[in-house]
Amino acid sequence: MPEIELDVRYLDPPEPMERAIDALDRLKPEDTLRMLIHREPHPLYQMLRESGYTYKVEQQPDYTYVILIRLRPPPAG
């Protein structure tokens, strides 16, 4: 499954959110967006939950947050 990397570390708001939304608009069902950011983007988490995405967050030793984002699969049946 293809992975798209989006590095928005140290960009001033609202640019990280704007770039994330642009990348999500191009995300295909089989893709994963790997976003790197220097702080937790809580407004993004809310938008992802409301818009049908799943995400996993990992904090790295250098305090970078790695957020893996995918489209939520449709319900079975």
PDB file of N, CA and C in Angstrom:
ATOM      1  N   MET A   1       0.841  -1.178   0.000  1.00  0.00           N
ATOM      2  CA  MET A   1       0.000   0.000   0.000  1.00  0.00           C
ATOM      3  C   MET A   1       0.883   1.237   0.000  1.00  0.00           C
ATOM      4  N   PRO A   2       0.649   2.174  -0.901  1.00  0.00           N
ATOM      5  CA  PRO A   2       1.487   3.367  -1.041  1.00  0.00           C
ATOM      6  C   PRO A   2       1.420   4.276   0.189  1.00  0.00           C
ATOM      7  N   GLU A   3       2.578   4.852   0.503  1.00  0.00           N
ATOM      8  CA  GLU A   3       2.649   5.782   1.617  1.00  0.00           C
ATOM      9  C   GLU A   3       3.092   7.148   1.091  1.00  0.00           C
ATOM     10  N   ILE A   4       2.364   8.174   1.479  1.00  0.00           N
ATOM     11  CA  ILE A   4       2.669   9.548   1.086  1.00  0.00           C
ATOM     12  C   ILE A   4       3.207  10.242   2.320  1.00  0.00           C
ATOM     13  N   GLU A   5       4.388  10.843   2.224  1.00  0.00           N
ATOM     14  CA  GLU A   5       4.953  11.531   3.376  1.00  0.00           C
ATOM     15  C   GLU A   5       4.702  13.028   3.280  1.00  0.00           C
ATOM     16  N   LEU A   6       4.273  13.608   4.391  1.00  0.00           N
ATOM     17  CA  LEU A   6       4.012  15.040   4.482  1.00  0.00           C
ATOM     18  C   LEU A   6       4.751  15.557   5.710  1.00  0.00           C
ATOM     19  N   ASP A   7       5.794  16.341   5.496  1.00  0.00           N
ATOM     20  CA  ASP A   7       6.602  16.881   6.590  1.00  0.00           C
ATOM     21  C   ASP A   7       6.213  18.347   6.785  1.00  0.00           C
ATOM     22  N   VAL A   8       5.512  18.617   7.882  1.00  0.00           N
ATOM     23  CA  VAL A   8       5.073  19.991   8.170  1.00  0.00           C
ATOM     24  C   VAL A   8       5.688  20.502   9.474  1.00  0.00           C
ATOM     25  N   ARG A   9       6.792  19.883   9.878  1.00  0.00           N
ATOM     26  CA  ARG A   9       7.462  20.307  11.110  1.00  0.00           C
ATOM     27  C   ARG A   9       7.906  21.758  11.000  1.00  0.00           C
ATOM     28  N   TYR A  10       7.636  22.482  12.061  1.00  0.00           N
ATOM     29  CA  TYR A  10       8.079  23.869  12.259  1.00  0.00           C
ATOM     30  C   TYR A  10       7.468  24.873  11.297  1.00  0.00           C
ATOM     31  N   LEU A  11       6.401  24.500  10.598  1.00  0.00           N
ATOM     32  CA  LEU A  11       5.657  25.470   9.810  1.00  0.00           C
ATOM     33  C   LEU A  11       4.676  26.194  10.736  1.00  0.00           C
ATOM     34  N   ASP A  12       4.423  27.456  10.464  1.00  0.00           N
ATOM     35  CA  ASP A  12       3.492  28.232  11.283  1.00  0.00           C
ATOM     36  C   ASP A  12       2.056  27.911  10.905  1.00  0.00           C
ATOM     37  N   PRO A  13       1.172  27.882  11.919  1.00  0.00           N
ATOM     38  CA  PRO A  13      -0.261  27.690  11.627  1.00  0.00           C
ATOM     39  C   PRO A  13      -0.758  28.829  10.744  1.00  0.00           C
ATOM     40  N   PRO A  14      -1.678  28.576   9.859  1.00  0.00           N
ATOM     41  CA  PRO A  14      -2.434  27.342   9.652  1.00  0.00           C
ATOM     42  C   PRO A  14      -1.839  26.438   8.575  1.00  0.00           C
ATOM     43  N   GLU A  15      -0.595  26.692   8.172  1.00  0.00           N
ATOM     44  CA  GLU A  15      -0.028  25.949   7.042  1.00  0.00           C
ATOM     45  C   GLU A  15      -0.005  24.429   7.236  1.00  0.00           C
ATOM     46  N   PRO A  16       0.353  23.885   8.424  1.00  0.00           N
ATOM     47  CA  PRO A  16       0.310  22.426   8.560  1.00  0.00           C
ATOM     48  C   PRO A  16      -1.084  21.842   8.295  1.00  0.00           C
ATOM     49  N   MET A  17      -2.113  22.487   8.814  1.00  0.00           N
ATOM     50  CA  MET A  17      -3.485  22.006   8.602  1.00  0.00           C
ATOM     51  C   MET A  17      -3.864  22.131   7.126  1.00  0.00           C
ATOM     52  N   GLU A  18      -3.518  23.231   6.505  1.00  0.00           N
ATOM     53  CA  GLU A  18      -3.842  23.425   5.086  1.00  0.00           C
ATOM     54  C   GLU A  18      -3.163  22.362   4.221  1.00  0.00           C
ATOM     55  N   ARG A  19      -1.900  22.093   4.495  1.00  0.00           N
ATOM     56  CA  ARG A  19      -1.177  21.075   3.705  1.00  0.00           C
ATOM     57  C   ARG A  19      -1.749  19.681   3.960  1.00  0.00           C
ATOM     58  N   ALA A  20      -2.142  19.410   5.203  1.00  0.00           N
ATOM     59  CA  ALA A  20      -2.742  18.107   5.521  1.00  0.00           C
ATOM     60  C   ALA A  20      -4.047  17.925   4.757  1.00  0.00           C
ATOM     61  N   ILE A  21      -4.884  18.946   4.738  1.00  0.00           N
ATOM     62  CA  ILE A  21      -6.165  18.860   4.025  1.00  0.00           C
ATOM     63  C   ILE A  21      -5.930  18.644   2.530  1.00  0.00           C
ATOM     64  N   ASP A  22      -4.963  19.364   1.952  1.00  0.00           N
ATOM     65  CA  ASP A  22      -4.637  19.169   0.533  1.00  0.00           C
ATOM     66  C   ASP A  22      -4.202  17.728   0.265  1.00  0.00           C
ATOM     67  N   ALA A  23      -3.360  17.170   1.146  1.00  0.00           N
ATOM     68  CA  ALA A  23      -2.891  15.796   0.964  1.00  0.00           C
ATOM     69  C   ALA A  23      -4.041  14.801   1.124  1.00  0.00           C
ATOM     70  N   LEU A  24      -4.919  15.043   2.088  1.00  0.00           N
ATOM     71  CA  LEU A  24      -6.059  14.144   2.302  1.00  0.00           C
ATOM     72  C   LEU A  24      -6.996  14.138   1.107  1.00  0.00           C
ATOM     73  N   ASP A  25      -7.130  15.273   0.445  1.00  0.00           N
ATOM     74  CA  ASP A  25      -7.981  15.350  -0.746  1.00  0.00           C
ATOM     75  C   ASP A  25      -7.471  14.448  -1.866  1.00  0.00           C
ATOM     76  N   ARG A  26      -6.168  14.168  -1.870  1.00  0.00           N
ATOM     77  CA  ARG A  26      -5.569  13.326  -2.915  1.00  0.00           C
ATOM     78  C   ARG A  26      -5.393  11.873  -2.472  1.00  0.00           C
ATOM     79  N   LEU A  27      -5.724  11.575  -1.216  1.00  0.00           N
ATOM     80  CA  LEU A  27      -5.528  10.237  -0.664  1.00  0.00           C
ATOM     81  C   LEU A  27      -6.493   9.243  -1.296  1.00  0.00           C
ATOM     82  N   LYS A  28      -5.951   8.128  -1.771  1.00  0.00           N
ATOM     83  CA  LYS A  28      -6.769   7.052  -2.334  1.00  0.00           C
ATOM     84  C   LYS A  28      -7.040   6.031  -1.228  1.00  0.00           C
ATOM     85  N   PRO A  29      -8.068   5.204  -1.382  1.00  0.00           N
ATOM     86  CA  PRO A  29      -8.415   4.243  -0.323  1.00  0.00           C
ATOM     87  C   PRO A  29      -7.259   3.333   0.104  1.00  0.00           C
ATOM     88  N   GLU A  30      -6.354   3.028  -0.806  1.00  0.00           N
ATOM     89  CA  GLU A  30      -5.250   2.128  -0.463  1.00  0.00           C
ATOM     90  C   GLU A  30      -4.020   2.869   0.074  1.00  0.00           C
ATOM     91  N   ASP A  31      -4.049   4.203   0.101  1.00  0.00           N
ATOM     92  CA  ASP A  31      -2.900   5.004   0.532  1.00  0.00           C
ATOM     93  C   ASP A  31      -2.884   5.248   2.035  1.00  0.00           C
ATOM     94  N   THR A  32      -1.689   5.519   2.529  1.00  0.00           N
ATOM     95  CA  THR A  32      -1.493   5.974   3.903  1.00  0.00           C
ATOM     96  C   THR A  32      -0.752   7.298   3.838  1.00  0.00           C
ATOM     97  N   LEU A  33      -1.242   8.284   4.549  1.00  0.00           N
ATOM     98  CA  LEU A  33      -0.561   9.565   4.669  1.00  0.00           C
ATOM     99  C   LEU A  33       0.272   9.511   5.939  1.00  0.00           C
ATOM    100  N   ARG A  34       1.566   9.716   5.808  1.00  0.00           N
ATOM    101  CA  ARG A  34       2.492   9.740   6.949  1.00  0.00           C
ATOM    102  C   ARG A  34       2.882  11.190   7.181  1.00  0.00           C
ATOM    103  N   MET A  35       2.316  11.777   8.217  1.00  0.00           N
ATOM    104  CA  MET A  35       2.514  13.194   8.499  1.00  0.00           C
ATOM    105  C   MET A  35       3.502  13.354   9.652  1.00  0.00           C
ATOM    106  N   LEU A  36       4.491  14.217   9.459  1.00  0.00           N
ATOM    107  CA  LEU A  36       5.472  14.533  10.492  1.00  0.00           C
ATOM    108  C   LEU A  36       5.210  15.955  10.966  1.00  0.00           C
ATOM    109  N   ILE A  37       5.081  16.128  12.283  1.00  0.00           N
ATOM    110  CA  ILE A  37       4.784  17.450  12.829  1.00  0.00           C
ATOM    111  C   ILE A  37       5.422  17.555  14.216  1.00  0.00           C
ATOM    112  N   HIS A  38       5.761  18.756  14.626  1.00  0.00           N
ATOM    113  CA  HIS A  38       6.485  18.958  15.873  1.00  0.00           C
ATOM    114  C   HIS A  38       5.583  19.152  17.093  1.00  0.00           C
ATOM    115  N   ARG A  39       4.288  19.126  16.915  1.00  0.00           N
ATOM    116  CA  ARG A  39       3.342  19.214  18.040  1.00  0.00           C
ATOM    117  C   ARG A  39       2.082  18.457  17.658  1.00  0.00           C
ATOM    118  N   GLU A  40       1.300  18.083  18.652  1.00  0.00           N
ATOM    119  CA  GLU A  40       0.075  17.342  18.354  1.00  0.00           C
ATOM    120  C   GLU A  40      -0.977  18.274  17.767  1.00  0.00           C
ATOM    121  N   PRO A  41      -1.505  17.938  16.601  1.00  0.00           N
ATOM    122  CA  PRO A  41      -2.513  18.774  15.941  1.00  0.00           C
ATOM    123  C   PRO A  41      -3.933  18.372  16.343  1.00  0.00           C
ATOM    124  N   HIS A  42      -4.332  18.717  17.551  1.00  0.00           N
ATOM    125  CA  HIS A  42      -5.643  18.295  18.052  1.00  0.00           C
ATOM    126  C   HIS A  42      -6.815  18.690  17.137  1.00  0.00           C
ATOM    127  N   PRO A  43      -6.817  19.887  16.545  1.00  0.00           N
ATOM    128  CA  PRO A  43      -7.922  20.196  15.604  1.00  0.00           C
ATOM    129  C   PRO A  43      -7.956  19.233  14.409  1.00  0.00           C
ATOM    130  N   LEU A  44      -6.802  18.781  13.966  1.00  0.00           N
ATOM    131  CA  LEU A  44      -6.757  17.816  12.857  1.00  0.00           C
ATOM    132  C   LEU A  44      -7.380  16.497  13.284  1.00  0.00           C
ATOM    133  N   TYR A  45      -7.094  16.042  14.506  1.00  0.00           N
ATOM    134  CA  TYR A  45      -7.669  14.784  14.975  1.00  0.00           C
ATOM    135  C   TYR A  45      -9.190  14.825  14.919  1.00  0.00           C
ATOM    136  N   GLN A  46      -9.748  15.912  15.370  1.00  0.00           N
ATOM    137  CA  GLN A  46     -11.212  16.041  15.367  1.00  0.00           C
ATOM    138  C   GLN A  46     -11.752  16.003  13.939  1.00  0.00           C
ATOM    139  N   MET A  47     -11.097  16.731  13.035  1.00  0.00           N
ATOM    140  CA  MET A  47     -11.531  16.749  11.640  1.00  0.00           C
ATOM    141  C   MET A  47     -11.442  15.354  11.019  1.00  0.00           C
ATOM    142  N   LEU A  48     -10.377  14.615  11.341  1.00  0.00           N
ATOM    143  CA  LEU A  48     -10.213  13.265  10.798  1.00  0.00           C
ATOM    144  C   LEU A  48     -11.334  12.352  11.270  1.00  0.00           C
ATOM    145  N   ARG A  49     -11.648  12.395  12.561  1.00  0.00           N
ATOM    146  CA  ARG A  49     -12.724  11.549  13.099  1.00  0.00           C
ATOM    147  C   ARG A  49     -14.060  11.878  12.432  1.00  0.00           C
ATOM    148  N   GLU A  50     -14.332  13.146  12.230  1.00  0.00           N
ATOM    149  CA  GLU A  50     -15.609  13.573  11.653  1.00  0.00           C
ATOM    150  C   GLU A  50     -15.697  13.310  10.154  1.00  0.00           C
ATOM    151  N   SER A  51     -14.541  13.134   9.499  1.00  0.00           N
ATOM    152  CA  SER A  51     -14.520  13.034   8.032  1.00  0.00           C
ATOM    153  C   SER A  51     -14.242  11.628   7.510  1.00  0.00           C
ATOM    154  N   GLY A  52     -14.260  10.619   8.375  1.00  0.00           N
ATOM    155  CA  GLY A  52     -14.131   9.252   7.885  1.00  0.00           C
ATOM    156  C   GLY A  52     -12.710   8.736   7.741  1.00  0.00           C
ATOM    157  N   TYR A  53     -11.785   9.229   8.552  1.00  0.00           N
ATOM    158  CA  TYR A  53     -10.406   8.759   8.516  1.00  0.00           C
ATOM    159  C   TYR A  53     -10.069   8.062   9.831  1.00  0.00           C
ATOM    160  N   THR A  54      -9.108   7.167   9.763  1.00  0.00           N
ATOM    161  CA  THR A  54      -8.525   6.589  10.969  1.00  0.00           C
ATOM    162  C   THR A  54      -7.097   7.117  11.060  1.00  0.00           C
ATOM    163  N   TYR A  55      -6.566   7.144  12.266  1.00  0.00           N
ATOM    164  CA  TYR A  55      -5.199   7.622  12.415  1.00  0.00           C
ATOM    165  C   TYR A  55      -4.548   6.963  13.616  1.00  0.00           C
ATOM    166  N   LYS A  56      -3.233   6.910  13.553  1.00  0.00           N
ATOM    167  CA  LYS A  56      -2.416   6.374  14.636  1.00  0.00           C
ATOM    168  C   LYS A  56      -1.295   7.375  14.871  1.00  0.00           C
ATOM    169  N   VAL A  57      -1.020   7.679  16.129  1.00  0.00           N
ATOM    170  CA  VAL A  57      -0.016   8.685  16.482  1.00  0.00           C
ATOM    171  C   VAL A  57       1.129   8.023  17.238  1.00  0.00           C
ATOM    172  N   GLU A  58       2.339   8.344  16.838  1.00  0.00           N
ATOM    173  CA  GLU A  58       3.537   7.886  17.544  1.00  0.00           C
ATOM    174  C   GLU A  58       4.436   9.083  17.788  1.00  0.00           C
ATOM    175  N   GLN A  59       4.905   9.231  19.030  1.00  0.00           N
ATOM    176  CA  GLN A  59       5.860  10.295  19.319  1.00  0.00           C
ATOM    177  C   GLN A  59       7.260   9.707  19.263  1.00  0.00           C
ATOM    178  N   GLN A  60       8.136  10.348  18.511  1.00  0.00           N
ATOM    179  CA  GLN A  60       9.502   9.893  18.329  1.00  0.00           C
ATOM    180  C   GLN A  60      10.404  10.456  19.437  1.00  0.00           C
ATOM    181  N   PRO A  61      11.596   9.879  19.623  1.00  0.00           N
ATOM    182  CA  PRO A  61      12.514  10.388  20.651  1.00  0.00           C
ATOM    183  C   PRO A  61      12.880  11.863  20.482  1.00  0.00           C
ATOM    184  N   ASP A  62      12.834  12.370  19.243  1.00  0.00           N
ATOM    185  CA  ASP A  62      13.148  13.795  19.017  1.00  0.00           C
ATOM    186  C   ASP A  62      11.909  14.677  19.170  1.00  0.00           C
ATOM    187  N   TYR A  63      10.821  14.112  19.708  1.00  0.00           N
ATOM    188  CA  TYR A  63       9.547  14.806  19.959  1.00  0.00           C
ATOM    189  C   TYR A  63       8.761  15.117  18.696  1.00  0.00           C
ATOM    190  N   THR A  64       9.168  14.554  17.573  1.00  0.00           N
ATOM    191  CA  THR A  64       8.363  14.632  16.365  1.00  0.00           C
ATOM    192  C   THR A  64       7.187  13.676  16.520  1.00  0.00           C
ATOM    193  N   TYR A  65       6.021  14.113  16.095  1.00  0.00           N
ATOM    194  CA  TYR A  65       4.852  13.241  16.064  1.00  0.00           C
ATOM    195  C   TYR A  65       4.726  12.692  14.648  1.00  0.00           C
ATOM    196  N   VAL A  66       4.582  11.377  14.550  1.00  0.00           N
ATOM    197  CA  VAL A  66       4.327  10.712  13.275  1.00  0.00           C
ATOM    198  C   VAL A  66       2.871  10.272  13.320  1.00  0.00           C
ATOM    199  N   ILE A  67       2.086  10.774  12.377  1.00  0.00           N
ATOM    200  CA  ILE A  67       0.661  10.471  12.333  1.00  0.00           C
ATOM    201  C   ILE A  67       0.383   9.722  11.031  1.00  0.00           C
ATOM    202  N   LEU A  68      -0.082   8.495  11.169  1.00  0.00           N
ATOM    203  CA  LEU A  68      -0.425   7.673  10.003  1.00  0.00           C
ATOM    204  C   LEU A  68      -1.933   7.760   9.802  1.00  0.00           C
ATOM    205  N   ILE A  69      -2.335   8.219   8.630  1.00  0.00           N
ATOM    206  CA  ILE A  69      -3.744   8.503   8.356  1.00  0.00           C
ATOM    207  C   ILE A  69      -4.196   7.669   7.162  1.00  0.00           C
ATOM    208  N   ARG A  70      -5.370   7.051   7.320  1.00  0.00           N
ATOM    209  CA  ARG A  70      -5.968   6.267   6.232  1.00  0.00           C
ATOM    210  C   ARG A  70      -7.457   6.567   6.178  1.00  0.00           C
ATOM    211  N   LEU A  71      -8.050   6.321   5.030  1.00  0.00           N
ATOM    212  CA  LEU A  71      -9.496   6.389   4.926  1.00  0.00           C
ATOM    213  C   LEU A  71     -10.089   5.232   5.705  1.00  0.00           C
ATOM    214  N   ARG A  72     -11.145   5.492   6.450  1.00  0.00           N
ATOM    215  CA  ARG A  72     -11.823   4.426   7.200  1.00  0.00           C
ATOM    216  C   ARG A  72     -12.490   3.502   6.197  1.00  0.00           C
ATOM    217  N   PRO A  73     -12.262   2.183   6.340  1.00  0.00           N
ATOM    218  CA  PRO A  73     -12.918   1.255   5.406  1.00  0.00           C
ATOM    219  C   PRO A  73     -14.431   1.291   5.577  1.00  0.00           C
ATOM    220  N   PRO A  74     -15.156   1.061   4.496  1.00  0.00           N
ATOM    221  CA  PRO A  74     -16.626   1.040   4.609  1.00  0.00           C
ATOM    222  C   PRO A  74     -17.083  -0.126   5.470  1.00  0.00           C
ATOM    223  N   PRO A  75     -18.225   0.016   6.138  1.00  0.00           N
ATOM    224  CA  PRO A  75     -18.716  -1.091   6.967  1.00  0.00           C
ATOM    225  C   PRO A  75     -18.995  -2.338   6.124  1.00  0.00           C
ATOM    226  N   ALA A  76     -18.714  -3.482   6.700  1.00  0.00           N
ATOM    227  CA  ALA A  76     -18.952  -4.753   5.995  1.00  0.00           C
ATOM    228  C   ALA A  76     -20.448  -5.066   5.983  1.00  0.00           C
ATOM    229  N   GLY A  77     -20.845  -5.721   4.927  1.00  0.00           N
ATOM    230  CA  GLY A  77     -22.226  -6.188   4.853  1.00  0.00           C
ATOM    231  C   GLY A  77     -23.065  -5.251   4.145  1.00  0.00           C
TER     232      GLY A  77
END
